[in-house]
C-alpha cells in the first residue's frame, strides 16, 4: 500500500497513477475533493484499489487520522510519499508573515506530519519506505520564492536528522529524498502571485510522468538522495563550488525565468489558503516545452566520483611536480 500526499494533481497525481500502473493500491491525500476523487477513479481504472483521504497536511491530527484510515482499510503502509506543497511568488518585502507561515506549515511541516504518521505504523513492524519529494531549491535558493526555498531546505535538514536517528536505532525503515527539477504541473496557474506577469517554471522543464517513474524507483531502491535532471545536478554542484557566482546568476536568470511576458491576470490569490475546486490533473500548460526524460544522479555516487576526480587531480599534480623537480637535478 502506498500513500501519496498532494496526490490529487501535478507530480503527486502522476506518482499515484504510476504506482497504480505497477499494481499498487494507492491512498490519495489532499484538500480538494474533486481532484482526489478523480485521481482515485484514474487509479482504480488500472485494476487496483484507491482510498480518498481529504486532509490538509498542515493539520497533524488530520494526517494521523488519515494514516489510521489506511491501516484500517489495508492493514499496512509500505510506502509513504510526502509530496504536498504550497508556494507564493513575490519579493520578500511584498510577502506577509501569514504567507510565510502557510508555505512553511504545508511544504515543510506537512512533510514532518506525514513522516510522523508513517513512522507510527512503520516502526512497530520495522519495515517501510518514506520518500520526501524535494527540490533543487533545497540546495540552491532563488529569488521570488523565498518561503518555498526555505521550506524545502528545512525538509532536507529534518530528513538528515531522522536518517541518523534511524541508523542509531538499527531501524529497517528506509528514508530517501528526491530533489526535483522544474516540472510541468498546474501549480503555476494556482500559486499565489504578487508578480506582474504570469508564472512559469525555470527551464528546462520535465513532464510529471518522468518524475513519477524516478520516484517509484527511488521507493524501491531507497538511495540516500536522488538528484533528478542535469539542471538539478548543476544547481547543487554549482552552489557547492561557487555560491556567490550563482547568487549573481540567479539574480537575473531566475528572476526573469519565473515569469512569462503575459500579464498576471486571473486568480492571483491562488490555493495557498483554500483548495482548488476543480480537477486540474497532472499536467500544466507547458507540454510543448517539456522533456519526457530526466537523468537521475544518486548523490552518493556523484560525491564519490568527485572525490575520485579530486584524488586523481592531486596525484597528477604531485607526479608533475616530481617530474619537474627531477628534471632540475
C-alpha atoms as a PDB file:
ATOM      1  CA  UNK A   1       0.000   0.000   0.000  1.00  0.00           C
ATOM      2  CA  UNK A   2       1.288   3.449  -0.987  1.00  0.00           C
ATOM      3  CA  UNK A   3       0.161   6.825   0.404  1.00  0.00           C
ATOM      4  CA  UNK A   4       0.766   9.975  -1.657  1.00  0.00           C
ATOM      5  CA  UNK A   5       0.199  13.384  -0.079  1.00  0.00           C
ATOM      6  CA  UNK A   6      -0.713  16.054  -2.568  1.00  0.00           C
ATOM      7  CA  UNK A   7      -1.769  13.189  -4.796  1.00  0.00           C
ATOM      8  CA  UNK A   8      -4.694  14.939  -6.485  1.00  0.00           C
ATOM      9  CA  UNK A   9      -2.687  16.941  -9.028  1.00  0.00           C
ATOM     10  CA  UNK A  10       0.699  17.598 -10.575  1.00  0.00           C
ATOM     11  CA  UNK A  11       3.643  15.431  -9.580  1.00  0.00           C
ATOM     12  CA  UNK A  12       1.612  13.750  -6.839  1.00  0.00           C
ATOM     13  CA  UNK A  13      -1.108  12.746  -9.291  1.00  0.00           C
ATOM     14  CA  UNK A  14       1.481  11.289 -11.680  1.00  0.00           C
ATOM     15  CA  UNK A  15       3.125   9.379  -8.802  1.00  0.00           C
ATOM     16  CA  UNK A  16      -0.187   7.931  -7.615  1.00  0.00           C
ATOM     17  CA  UNK A  17      -1.123   6.778 -11.132  1.00  0.00           C
ATOM     18  CA  UNK A  18       2.333   5.309 -11.781  1.00  0.00           C
ATOM     19  CA  UNK A  19       2.174   3.211  -8.606  1.00  0.00           C
ATOM     20  CA  UNK A  20      -1.280   2.008  -9.692  1.00  0.00           C
ATOM     21  CA  UNK A  21       0.112   1.049 -13.086  1.00  0.00           C
ATOM     22  CA  UNK A  22       2.687  -1.072 -11.268  1.00  0.00           C
ATOM     23  CA  UNK A  23      -0.059  -2.927  -9.376  1.00  0.00           C
ATOM     24  CA  UNK A  24      -0.078  -0.981  -6.110  1.00  0.00           C
ATOM     25  CA  UNK A  25      -3.099   0.067  -4.100  1.00  0.00           C
ATOM     26  CA  UNK A  26      -2.861   3.825  -3.501  1.00  0.00           C
ATOM     27  CA  UNK A  27      -4.271   6.256  -0.943  1.00  0.00           C
ATOM     28  CA  UNK A  28      -4.567   9.836  -2.225  1.00  0.00           C
ATOM     29  CA  UNK A  29      -4.348  12.542   0.437  1.00  0.00           C
ATOM     30  CA  UNK A  30      -5.148  16.159  -0.482  1.00  0.00           C
ATOM     31  CA  UNK A  31      -7.502  19.023   0.383  1.00  0.00           C
ATOM     32  CA  UNK A  32      -9.660  19.252  -2.745  1.00  0.00           C
ATOM     33  CA  UNK A  33     -12.418  16.688  -3.152  1.00  0.00           C
ATOM     34  CA  UNK A  34     -12.788  16.943  -6.983  1.00  0.00           C
ATOM     35  CA  UNK A  35      -9.099  16.237  -7.617  1.00  0.00           C
ATOM     36  CA  UNK A  36      -8.909  13.452  -5.032  1.00  0.00           C
ATOM     37  CA  UNK A  37     -11.981  11.670  -6.386  1.00  0.00           C
ATOM     38  CA  UNK A  38     -10.769  11.988  -9.978  1.00  0.00           C
ATOM     39  CA  UNK A  39      -7.324  10.648  -9.048  1.00  0.00           C
ATOM     40  CA  UNK A  40      -8.932   7.684  -7.312  1.00  0.00           C
ATOM     41  CA  UNK A  41     -11.023   6.875 -10.389  1.00  0.00           C
ATOM     42  CA  UNK A  42      -7.877   7.008 -12.521  1.00  0.00           C
ATOM     43  CA  UNK A  43      -6.093   4.689 -10.097  1.00  0.00           C
ATOM     44  CA  UNK A  44      -8.963   2.197  -9.996  1.00  0.00           C
ATOM     45  CA  UNK A  45      -9.008   2.092 -13.800  1.00  0.00           C
ATOM     46  CA  UNK A  46      -5.754   0.120 -13.508  1.00  0.00           C
ATOM     47  CA  UNK A  47      -7.459  -2.665 -11.557  1.00  0.00           C
ATOM     48  CA  UNK A  48      -6.221  -1.713  -8.068  1.00  0.00           C
ATOM     49  CA  UNK A  49      -7.863  -0.122  -5.042  1.00  0.00           C
ATOM     50  CA  UNK A  50      -7.803   3.583  -4.199  1.00  0.00           C
ATOM     51  CA  UNK A  51      -8.580   5.316  -0.914  1.00  0.00           C
ATOM     52  CA  UNK A  52      -9.577   9.020  -0.937  1.00  0.00           C
ATOM     53  CA  UNK A  53      -8.303  10.973   2.062  1.00  0.00           C
ATOM     54  CA  UNK A  54      -9.437  14.586   2.400  1.00  0.00           C
ATOM     55  CA  UNK A  55      -6.961  16.319   4.696  1.00  0.00           C
ATOM     56  CA  UNK A  56      -4.700  19.351   4.958  1.00  0.00           C
ATOM     57  CA  UNK A  57      -1.120  18.229   5.667  1.00  0.00           C
ATOM     58  CA  UNK A  58      -0.681  21.335   7.835  1.00  0.00           C
ATOM     59  CA  UNK A  59      -3.088  19.691  10.303  1.00  0.00           C
ATOM     60  CA  UNK A  60      -1.060  16.983  12.052  1.00  0.00           C
ATOM     61  CA  UNK A  61      -4.066  15.279  13.646  1.00  0.00           C
ATOM     62  CA  UNK A  62      -5.849  15.106  10.297  1.00  0.00           C
ATOM     63  CA  UNK A  63      -2.807  13.415   8.764  1.00  0.00           C
ATOM     64  CA  UNK A  64      -2.565  10.948  11.666  1.00  0.00           C
ATOM     65  CA  UNK A  65      -6.264  10.142  11.293  1.00  0.00           C
ATOM     66  CA  UNK A  66      -5.784   9.594   7.561  1.00  0.00           C
ATOM     67  CA  UNK A  67      -2.914   7.174   8.214  1.00  0.00           C
ATOM     68  CA  UNK A  68      -5.096   5.253  10.676  1.00  0.00           C
ATOM     69  CA  UNK A  69      -7.788   5.021   7.986  1.00  0.00           C
ATOM     70  CA  UNK A  70      -5.254   3.463   5.586  1.00  0.00           C
ATOM     71  CA  UNK A  71      -4.310   0.857   8.197  1.00  0.00           C
ATOM     72  CA  UNK A  72      -7.953   0.089   8.896  1.00  0.00           C
ATOM     73  CA  UNK A  73      -8.668  -0.377   5.180  1.00  0.00           C
ATOM     74  CA  UNK A  74      -5.496  -2.156   4.033  1.00  0.00           C
ATOM     75  CA  UNK A  75      -3.656  -3.271   7.169  1.00  0.00           C
ATOM     76  CA  UNK A  76      -0.284  -1.770   6.257  1.00  0.00           C
ATOM     77  CA  UNK A  77       1.561   1.215   4.792  1.00  0.00           C
ATOM     78  CA  UNK A  78       4.528   0.082   2.732  1.00  0.00           C
ATOM     79  CA  UNK A  79       5.453   3.397   1.085  1.00  0.00           C
ATOM     80  CA  UNK A  80       4.589   6.910   2.206  1.00  0.00           C
ATOM     81  CA  UNK A  81       5.400   9.737  -0.221  1.00  0.00           C
ATOM     82  CA  UNK A  82       5.466  13.279   1.160  1.00  0.00           C
ATOM     83  CA  UNK A  83       4.731  15.421  -1.870  1.00  0.00           C
ATOM     84  CA  UNK A  84       2.191  18.098  -0.861  1.00  0.00           C
ATOM     85  CA  UNK A  85       3.404  21.676  -1.252  1.00  0.00           C
ATOM     86  CA  UNK A  86       2.287  25.286  -1.449  1.00  0.00           C
ATOM     87  CA  UNK A  87       4.143  28.385  -2.543  1.00  0.00           C
ATOM     88  CA  UNK A  88       3.843  32.128  -3.068  1.00  0.00           C
ATOM     89  CA  UNK A  89       5.708  34.205  -5.639  1.00  0.00           C
ATOM     90  CA  UNK A  90       6.931  37.693  -4.814  1.00  0.00           C
ATOM     91  CA  UNK A  91       9.705  39.783  -3.368  1.00  0.00           C
ATOM     92  CA  UNK A  92      10.305  39.161   0.323  1.00  0.00           C
ATOM     93  CA  UNK A  93       9.265  42.718   1.181  1.00  0.00           C
ATOM     94  CA  UNK A  94       5.911  42.125  -0.521  1.00  0.00           C
ATOM     95  CA  UNK A  95       5.048  38.932   1.397  1.00  0.00           C
ATOM     96  CA  UNK A  96       3.080  38.841   4.630  1.00  0.00           C
ATOM     97  CA  UNK A  97       4.021  36.862   7.751  1.00  0.00           C
ATOM     98  CA  UNK A  98       0.849  34.816   7.221  1.00  0.00           C
ATOM     99  CA  UNK A  99       2.034  33.792   3.749  1.00  0.00           C
ATOM    100  CA  UNK A 100       5.428  32.707   5.068  1.00  0.00           C
ATOM    101  CA  UNK A 101       3.698  30.770   7.829  1.00  0.00           C
ATOM    102  CA  UNK A 102       1.319  28.994   5.483  1.00  0.00           C
ATOM    103  CA  UNK A 103       4.010  27.915   2.997  1.00  0.00           C
ATOM    104  CA  UNK A 104       6.102  26.646   5.898  1.00  0.00           C
ATOM    105  CA  UNK A 105       3.313  24.665   7.539  1.00  0.00           C
ATOM    106  CA  UNK A 106       2.340  22.979   4.266  1.00  0.00           C
ATOM    107  CA  UNK A 107       5.655  22.477   2.463  1.00  0.00           C
ATOM    108  CA  UNK A 108       7.861  21.802   5.496  1.00  0.00           C
ATOM    109  CA  UNK A 109       5.644  20.822   8.412  1.00  0.00           C
ATOM    110  CA  UNK A 110       3.395  18.868   6.052  1.00  0.00           C
ATOM    111  CA  UNK A 111       6.338  16.562   5.372  1.00  0.00           C
ATOM    112  CA  UNK A 112       7.102  16.362   9.078  1.00  0.00           C
ATOM    113  CA  UNK A 113       3.490  15.426   9.840  1.00  0.00           C
ATOM    114  CA  UNK A 114       3.433  12.834   7.056  1.00  0.00           C
ATOM    115  CA  UNK A 115       6.696  11.340   8.243  1.00  0.00           C
ATOM    116  CA  UNK A 116       5.470  11.103  11.834  1.00  0.00           C
ATOM    117  CA  UNK A 117       2.232   9.471  10.650  1.00  0.00           C
ATOM    118  CA  UNK A 118       4.159   6.926   8.597  1.00  0.00           C
ATOM    119  CA  UNK A 119       6.618   6.156  11.387  1.00  0.00           C
ATOM    120  CA  UNK A 120       3.777   5.441  13.815  1.00  0.00           C
ATOM    121  CA  UNK A 121       2.867   2.429  11.685  1.00  0.00           C
ATOM    122  CA  UNK A 122       6.213   1.500  10.117  1.00  0.00           C
ATOM    123  CA  UNK A 123       8.410   1.443  13.202  1.00  0.00           C
ATOM    124  CA  UNK A 124       6.403  -1.169  15.161  1.00  0.00           C
ATOM    125  CA  UNK A 125       6.819  -3.651  12.296  1.00  0.00           C
ATOM    126  CA  UNK A 126      10.308  -2.340  11.425  1.00  0.00           C
ATOM    127  CA  UNK A 127       9.506  -2.024   7.738  1.00  0.00           C
ATOM    128  CA  UNK A 128       8.511   0.568   5.150  1.00  0.00           C
ATOM    129  CA  UNK A 129       9.874   3.368   2.993  1.00  0.00           C
ATOM    130  CA  UNK A 130       9.366   7.113   3.321  1.00  0.00           C
ATOM    131  CA  UNK A 131      10.046   9.270   0.265  1.00  0.00           C
ATOM    132  CA  UNK A 132      10.494  13.026   0.687  1.00  0.00           C
ATOM    133  CA  UNK A 133       9.813  14.913  -2.531  1.00  0.00           C
ATOM    134  CA  UNK A 134      12.326  17.724  -2.512  1.00  0.00           C
ATOM    135  CA  UNK A 135      13.715  20.191  -4.997  1.00  0.00           C
ATOM    136  CA  UNK A 136      16.970  21.545  -6.345  1.00  0.00           C
ATOM    137  CA  UNK A 137      15.830  24.633  -4.427  1.00  0.00           C
ATOM    138  CA  UNK A 138      16.566  22.761  -1.194  1.00  0.00           C
ATOM    139  CA  UNK A 139      20.216  23.493  -2.044  1.00  0.00           C
ATOM    140  CA  UNK A 140      20.060  26.484  -4.392  1.00  0.00           C
ATOM    141  CA  UNK A 141      17.602  29.182  -3.344  1.00  0.00           C
ATOM    142  CA  UNK A 142      16.282  31.547  -5.984  1.00  0.00           C
ATOM    143  CA  UNK A 143      14.667  34.969  -5.777  1.00  0.00           C
ATOM    144  CA  UNK A 144      10.886  35.430  -5.641  1.00  0.00           C
ATOM    145  CA  UNK A 145      10.252  32.070  -3.900  1.00  0.00           C
ATOM    146  CA  UNK A 146      11.943  32.627  -0.537  1.00  0.00           C
ATOM    147  CA  UNK A 147       9.300  30.862   1.557  1.00  0.00           C
ATOM    148  CA  UNK A 148       9.281  27.756  -0.629  1.00  0.00           C
ATOM    149  CA  UNK A 149      13.077  27.534  -0.891  1.00  0.00           C
ATOM    150  CA  UNK A 150      13.416  27.840   2.879  1.00  0.00           C
ATOM    151  CA  UNK A 151      10.779  25.148   3.442  1.00  0.00           C
ATOM    152  CA  UNK A 152      12.483  22.682   1.087  1.00  0.00           C
ATOM    153  CA  UNK A 153      15.836  23.328   2.762  1.00  0.00           C
ATOM    154  CA  UNK A 154      14.159  22.653   6.110  1.00  0.00           C
ATOM    155  CA  UNK A 155      12.841  19.325   4.813  1.00  0.00           C
ATOM    156  CA  UNK A 156      16.384  18.323   3.889  1.00  0.00           C
ATOM    157  CA  UNK A 157      17.657  19.213   7.367  1.00  0.00           C
ATOM    158  CA  UNK A 158      14.827  17.320   9.038  1.00  0.00           C
ATOM    159  CA  UNK A 159      15.389  14.283   6.817  1.00  0.00           C
ATOM    160  CA  UNK A 160      19.121  14.170   7.561  1.00  0.00           C
ATOM    161  CA  UNK A 161      18.413  14.235  11.300  1.00  0.00           C
ATOM    162  CA  UNK A 162      15.833  11.466  11.034  1.00  0.00           C
ATOM    163  CA  UNK A 163      18.172   9.346   8.923  1.00  0.00           C
ATOM    164  CA  UNK A 164      20.837   9.455  11.644  1.00  0.00           C
ATOM    165  CA  UNK A 165      18.286   8.512  14.282  1.00  0.00           C
ATOM    166  CA  UNK A 166      17.081   5.522  12.255  1.00  0.00           C
ATOM    167  CA  UNK A 167      20.682   4.396  11.795  1.00  0.00           C
ATOM    168  CA  UNK A 168      21.309   4.759  15.544  1.00  0.00           C
ATOM    169  CA  UNK A 169      18.282   2.566  16.250  1.00  0.00           C
ATOM    170  CA  UNK A 170      19.272  -0.040  13.627  1.00  0.00           C
ATOM    171  CA  UNK A 171      15.862   0.548  12.063  1.00  0.00           C
ATOM    172  CA  UNK A 172      14.909  -1.177   8.834  1.00  0.00           C
ATOM    173  CA  UNK A 173      12.595   1.710   7.904  1.00  0.00           C
ATOM    174  CA  UNK A 174      14.079   3.292   4.777  1.00  0.00           C
ATOM    175  CA  UNK A 175      14.291   7.021   4.029  1.00  0.00           C
ATOM    176  CA  UNK A 176      15.075   8.735   0.744  1.00  0.00           C
ATOM    177  CA  UNK A 177      14.809  12.277  -0.630  1.00  0.00           C
ATOM    178  CA  UNK A 178      14.371  13.062  -4.320  1.00  0.00           C
ATOM    179  CA  UNK A 179      15.436  16.554  -5.444  1.00  0.00           C
ATOM    180  CA  UNK A 180      13.355  17.659  -8.431  1.00  0.00           C
ATOM    181  CA  UNK A 181      13.983  19.971 -11.368  1.00  0.00           C
ATOM    182  CA  UNK A 182      11.307  22.232 -12.875  1.00  0.00           C
ATOM    183  CA  UNK A 183       8.177  20.204 -13.719  1.00  0.00           C
ATOM    184  CA  UNK A 184       5.179  20.865 -15.969  1.00  0.00           C
ATOM    185  CA  UNK A 185       2.406  20.944 -13.360  1.00  0.00           C
ATOM    186  CA  UNK A 186      -0.727  23.068 -12.808  1.00  0.00           C
ATOM    187  CA  UNK A 187       0.790  24.833  -9.779  1.00  0.00           C
ATOM    188  CA  UNK A 188       1.896  27.776 -11.930  1.00  0.00           C
ATOM    189  CA  UNK A 189      -1.746  28.646 -12.537  1.00  0.00           C
ATOM    190  CA  UNK A 190      -2.858  28.367  -8.918  1.00  0.00           C
ATOM    191  CA  UNK A 191       0.120  29.566  -6.853  1.00  0.00           C
ATOM    192  CA  UNK A 192      -0.368  32.884  -5.073  1.00  0.00           C
ATOM    193  CA  UNK A 193       1.271  35.542  -7.221  1.00  0.00           C
ATOM    194  CA  UNK A 194       2.476  39.026  -6.273  1.00  0.00           C
ATOM    195  CA  UNK A 195       4.369  39.428  -9.554  1.00  0.00           C
ATOM    196  CA  UNK A 196       3.179  41.452 -12.557  1.00  0.00           C
ATOM    197  CA  UNK A 197       3.409  38.556 -15.025  1.00  0.00           C
ATOM    198  CA  UNK A 198       2.073  35.034 -15.423  1.00  0.00           C
ATOM    199  CA  UNK A 199       4.184  32.330 -13.780  1.00  0.00           C
ATOM    200  CA  UNK A 200       6.283  29.590 -15.336  1.00  0.00           C
ATOM    201  CA  UNK A 201       8.908  27.050 -14.188  1.00  0.00           C
ATOM    202  CA  UNK A 202      12.536  27.963 -14.848  1.00  0.00           C
ATOM    203  CA  UNK A 203      13.597  25.842 -17.858  1.00  0.00           C
ATOM    204  CA  UNK A 204      14.488  23.099 -18.560  1.00  0.00           C
ATOM    205  CA  UNK A 205      11.055  21.686 -17.749  1.00  0.00           C
ATOM    206  CA  UNK A 206      10.238  17.982 -17.333  1.00  0.00           C
ATOM    207  CA  UNK A 207       6.980  16.073 -17.607  1.00  0.00           C
ATOM    208  CA  UNK A 208       5.452  14.800 -14.341  1.00  0.00           C
ATOM    209  CA  UNK A 209       5.421  11.189 -15.567  1.00  0.00           C
ATOM    210  CA  UNK A 210       9.222  11.046 -15.823  1.00  0.00           C
ATOM    211  CA  UNK A 211       9.418  12.337 -12.246  1.00  0.00           C
ATOM    212  CA  UNK A 212       6.909   9.718 -11.112  1.00  0.00           C
ATOM    213  CA  UNK A 213       8.929   6.923 -12.713  1.00  0.00           C
ATOM    214  CA  UNK A 214      12.076   8.069 -10.918  1.00  0.00           C
ATOM    215  CA  UNK A 215      10.284   8.357  -7.577  1.00  0.00           C
ATOM    216  CA  UNK A 216       8.890   4.846  -7.973  1.00  0.00           C
ATOM    217  CA  UNK A 217      12.436   3.567  -8.487  1.00  0.00           C
ATOM    218  CA  UNK A 218      13.656   5.582  -5.505  1.00  0.00           C
ATOM    219  CA  UNK A 219      10.945   3.979  -3.369  1.00  0.00           C
ATOM    220  CA  UNK A 220      12.242   0.563  -4.454  1.00  0.00           C
ATOM    221  CA  UNK A 221      15.983   1.203  -4.012  1.00  0.00           C
ATOM    222  CA  UNK A 222      16.000   3.977  -1.382  1.00  0.00           C
ATOM    223  CA  UNK A 223      19.165   5.909  -2.258  1.00  0.00           C
ATOM    224  CA  UNK A 224      20.122   8.471   0.360  1.00  0.00           C
ATOM    225  CA  UNK A 225      19.278  11.219  -2.129  1.00  0.00           C
ATOM    226  CA  UNK A 226      18.439  11.211  -5.819  1.00  0.00           C
ATOM    227  CA  UNK A 227      19.048  14.324  -7.920  1.00  0.00           C
ATOM    228  CA  UNK A 228      16.779  14.407 -10.984  1.00  0.00           C
ATOM    229  CA  UNK A 229      17.751  16.211 -14.162  1.00  0.00           C
ATOM    230  CA  UNK A 230      21.019  17.748 -15.284  1.00  0.00           C
ATOM    231  CA  UNK A 231      19.759  21.158 -14.152  1.00  0.00           C
ATOM    232  CA  UNK A 232      19.394  19.878 -10.578  1.00  0.00           C
ATOM    233  CA  UNK A 233      22.894  18.428 -10.661  1.00  0.00           C
ATOM    234  CA  UNK A 234      24.299  21.711 -11.959  1.00  0.00           C
ATOM    235  CA  UNK A 235      22.429  23.802  -9.409  1.00  0.00           C
ATOM    236  CA  UNK A 236      23.574  21.695  -6.450  1.00  0.00           C
ATOM    237  CA  UNK A 237      27.194  21.290  -7.511  1.00  0.00           C
ATOM    238  CA  UNK A 238      27.387  24.917  -8.637  1.00  0.00           C
ATOM    239  CA  UNK A 239      26.190  26.074  -5.232  1.00  0.00           C
ATOM    240  CA  UNK A 240      28.782  23.893  -3.531  1.00  0.00           C
ATOM    241  CA  UNK A 241      31.602  25.153  -5.746  1.00  0.00           C
ATOM    242  CA  UNK A 242      30.763  28.825  -6.358  1.00  0.00           C
ATOM    243  CA  UNK A 243      27.776  30.044  -4.330  1.00  0.00           C
ATOM    244  CA  UNK A 244      28.483  33.761  -4.831  1.00  0.00           C
ATOM    245  CA  UNK A 245      28.609  33.311  -8.606  1.00  0.00           C
ATOM    246  CA  UNK A 246      25.271  31.509  -8.557  1.00  0.00           C
ATOM    247  CA  UNK A 247      23.782  34.243  -6.380  1.00  0.00           C
ATOM    248  CA  UNK A 248      24.505  36.705  -9.185  1.00  0.00           C
ATOM    249  CA  UNK A 249      23.275  34.333 -11.881  1.00  0.00           C
ATOM    250  CA  UNK A 250      20.010  33.723 -10.034  1.00  0.00           C
ATOM    251  CA  UNK A 251      19.513  37.467  -9.551  1.00  0.00           C
ATOM    252  CA  UNK A 252      18.990  37.777 -13.304  1.00  0.00           C
ATOM    253  CA  UNK A 253      18.207  34.400 -14.861  1.00  0.00           C
ATOM    254  CA  UNK A 254      15.891  33.035 -12.175  1.00  0.00           C
ATOM    255  CA  UNK A 255      14.171  36.396 -11.705  1.00  0.00           C
ATOM    256  CA  UNK A 256      13.152  36.709 -15.345  1.00  0.00           C
ATOM    257  CA  UNK A 257      12.880  32.952 -15.851  1.00  0.00           C
ATOM    258  CA  UNK A 258       9.926  32.579 -13.483  1.00  0.00           C
ATOM    259  CA  UNK A 259       7.678  34.900 -15.476  1.00  0.00           C
ATOM    260  CA  UNK A 260       6.206  34.809 -18.979  1.00  0.00           C
ATOM    261  CA  UNK A 261       5.670  38.029 -20.959  1.00  0.00           C
ATOM    262  CA  UNK A 262       1.917  37.739 -20.309  1.00  0.00           C
ATOM    263  CA  UNK A 263       0.304  39.901 -17.611  1.00  0.00           C
ATOM    264  CA  UNK A 264      -0.654  38.013 -14.470  1.00  0.00           C
ATOM    265  CA  UNK A 265      -4.437  38.423 -14.527  1.00  0.00           C
ATOM    266  CA  UNK A 266      -6.715  35.637 -13.301  1.00  0.00           C
ATOM    267  CA  UNK A 267      -6.910  34.400  -9.708  1.00  0.00           C
ATOM    268  CA  UNK A 268      -3.761  35.781  -8.125  1.00  0.00           C
ATOM    269  CA  UNK A 269      -4.802  34.658  -4.636  1.00  0.00           C
ATOM    270  CA  UNK A 270      -4.231  31.032  -5.651  1.00  0.00           C
ATOM    271  CA  UNK A 271      -4.687  27.952  -3.491  1.00  0.00           C
ATOM    272  CA  UNK A 272      -2.447  28.959  -0.613  1.00  0.00           C
ATOM    273  CA  UNK A 273      -5.252  29.040   1.955  1.00  0.00           C
ATOM    274  CA  UNK A 274      -8.120  27.362   0.104  1.00  0.00           C
ATOM    275  CA  UNK A 275      -8.070  24.206  -2.035  1.00  0.00           C
ATOM    276  CA  UNK A 276      -8.632  24.127  -5.767  1.00  0.00           C
ATOM    277  CA  UNK A 277     -12.282  23.385  -6.538  1.00  0.00           C
ATOM    278  CA  UNK A 278     -11.629  21.749  -9.925  1.00  0.00           C
ATOM    279  CA  UNK A 279      -9.778  18.653 -11.141  1.00  0.00           C
ATOM    280  CA  UNK A 280      -6.505  20.047 -12.542  1.00  0.00           C
ATOM    281  CA  UNK A 281      -4.865  16.717 -13.417  1.00  0.00           C
ATOM    282  CA  UNK A 282      -1.126  16.148 -13.599  1.00  0.00           C
ATOM    283  CA  UNK A 283      -0.044  18.463 -16.420  1.00  0.00           C
ATOM    284  CA  UNK A 284       0.374  22.208 -16.629  1.00  0.00           C
ATOM    285  CA  UNK A 285       0.310  24.324 -19.784  1.00  0.00           C
ATOM    286  CA  UNK A 286       3.919  23.632 -20.795  1.00  0.00           C
ATOM    287  CA  UNK A 287       3.607  20.318 -22.666  1.00  0.00           C
ATOM    288  CA  UNK A 288       5.240  21.671 -25.815  1.00  0.00           C
ATOM    289  CA  UNK A 289       8.297  22.812 -23.846  1.00  0.00           C
ATOM    290  CA  UNK A 290       8.670  19.821 -21.525  1.00  0.00           C
ATOM    291  CA  UNK A 291      11.125  16.950 -21.694  1.00  0.00           C
ATOM    292  CA  UNK A 292       9.909  13.351 -21.386  1.00  0.00           C
ATOM    293  CA  UNK A 293      13.096  12.002 -19.807  1.00  0.00           C
ATOM    294  CA  UNK A 294      15.296  13.078 -16.881  1.00  0.00           C
ATOM    295  CA  UNK A 295      18.587  11.578 -15.819  1.00  0.00           C
ATOM    296  CA  UNK A 296      18.815  10.516 -12.186  1.00  0.00           C
ATOM    297  CA  UNK A 297      22.004  11.078 -10.223  1.00  0.00           C
ATOM    298  CA  UNK A 298      22.332   9.262  -6.867  1.00  0.00           C
ATOM    299  CA  UNK A 299      24.001  11.853  -4.656  1.00  0.00           C
ATOM    300  CA  UNK A 300      26.408   9.348  -3.111  1.00  0.00           C
ATOM    301  CA  UNK A 301      27.707   8.272  -6.496  1.00  0.00           C
ATOM    302  CA  UNK A 302      28.166  11.888  -7.597  1.00  0.00           C
ATOM    303  CA  UNK A 303      30.141  12.720  -4.480  1.00  0.00           C
ATOM    304  CA  UNK A 304      32.203   9.543  -4.889  1.00  0.00           C
ATOM    305  CA  UNK A 305      33.007  10.438  -8.497  1.00  0.00           C
ATOM    306  CA  UNK A 306      34.017  13.957  -7.486  1.00  0.00           C
ATOM    307  CA  UNK A 307      36.238  12.569  -4.732  1.00  0.00           C
ATOM    308  CA  UNK A 308      37.916  10.221  -7.215  1.00  0.00           C
ATOM    309  CA  UNK A 309      38.441  13.084  -9.648  1.00  0.00           C
ATOM    310  CA  UNK A 310      39.916  15.189  -6.854  1.00  0.00           C
ATOM    311  CA  UNK A 311      42.290  12.431  -5.825  1.00  0.00           C
ATOM    312  CA  UNK A 312      43.250  11.843  -9.467  1.00  0.00           C
ATOM    313  CA  UNK A 313      43.912  15.550  -9.968  1.00  0.00           C
ATOM    314  CA  UNK A 314      46.038  15.659  -6.814  1.00  0.00           C
ATOM    315  CA  UNK A 315      48.057  12.625  -7.878  1.00  0.00           C
ATOM    316  CA  UNK A 316      48.524  14.067 -11.357  1.00  0.00           C
ATOM    317  CA  UNK A 317      49.731  17.331  -9.874  1.00  0.00           C
ATOM    318  CA  UNK A 318      52.077  15.504  -7.500  1.00  0.00           C
ATOM    319  CA  UNK A 319      53.510  13.427 -10.347  1.00  0.00           C
ATOM    320  CA  UNK A 320      54.032  16.536 -12.450  1.00  0.00           C
ATOM    321  CA  UNK A 321      55.726  18.318  -9.550  1.00  0.00           C
ATOM    322  CA  UNK A 322      58.075  15.401  -9.006  1.00  0.00           C
ATOM    323  CA  UNK A 323      58.918  15.261 -12.711  1.00  0.00           C
ATOM    324  CA  UNK A 324      59.782  18.963 -12.660  1.00  0.00           C
ATOM    325  CA  UNK A 325      61.877  18.526  -9.556  1.00  0.00           C
ATOM    326  CA  UNK A 326      63.733  15.535 -11.056  1.00  0.00           C
ATOM    327  CA  UNK A 327      64.435  17.457 -14.252  1.00  0.00           C
ATOM    328  CA  UNK A 328      66.293  20.105 -12.260  1.00  0.00           C
ATOM    329  CA  UNK A 329      68.830  17.634 -10.904  1.00  0.00           C
END
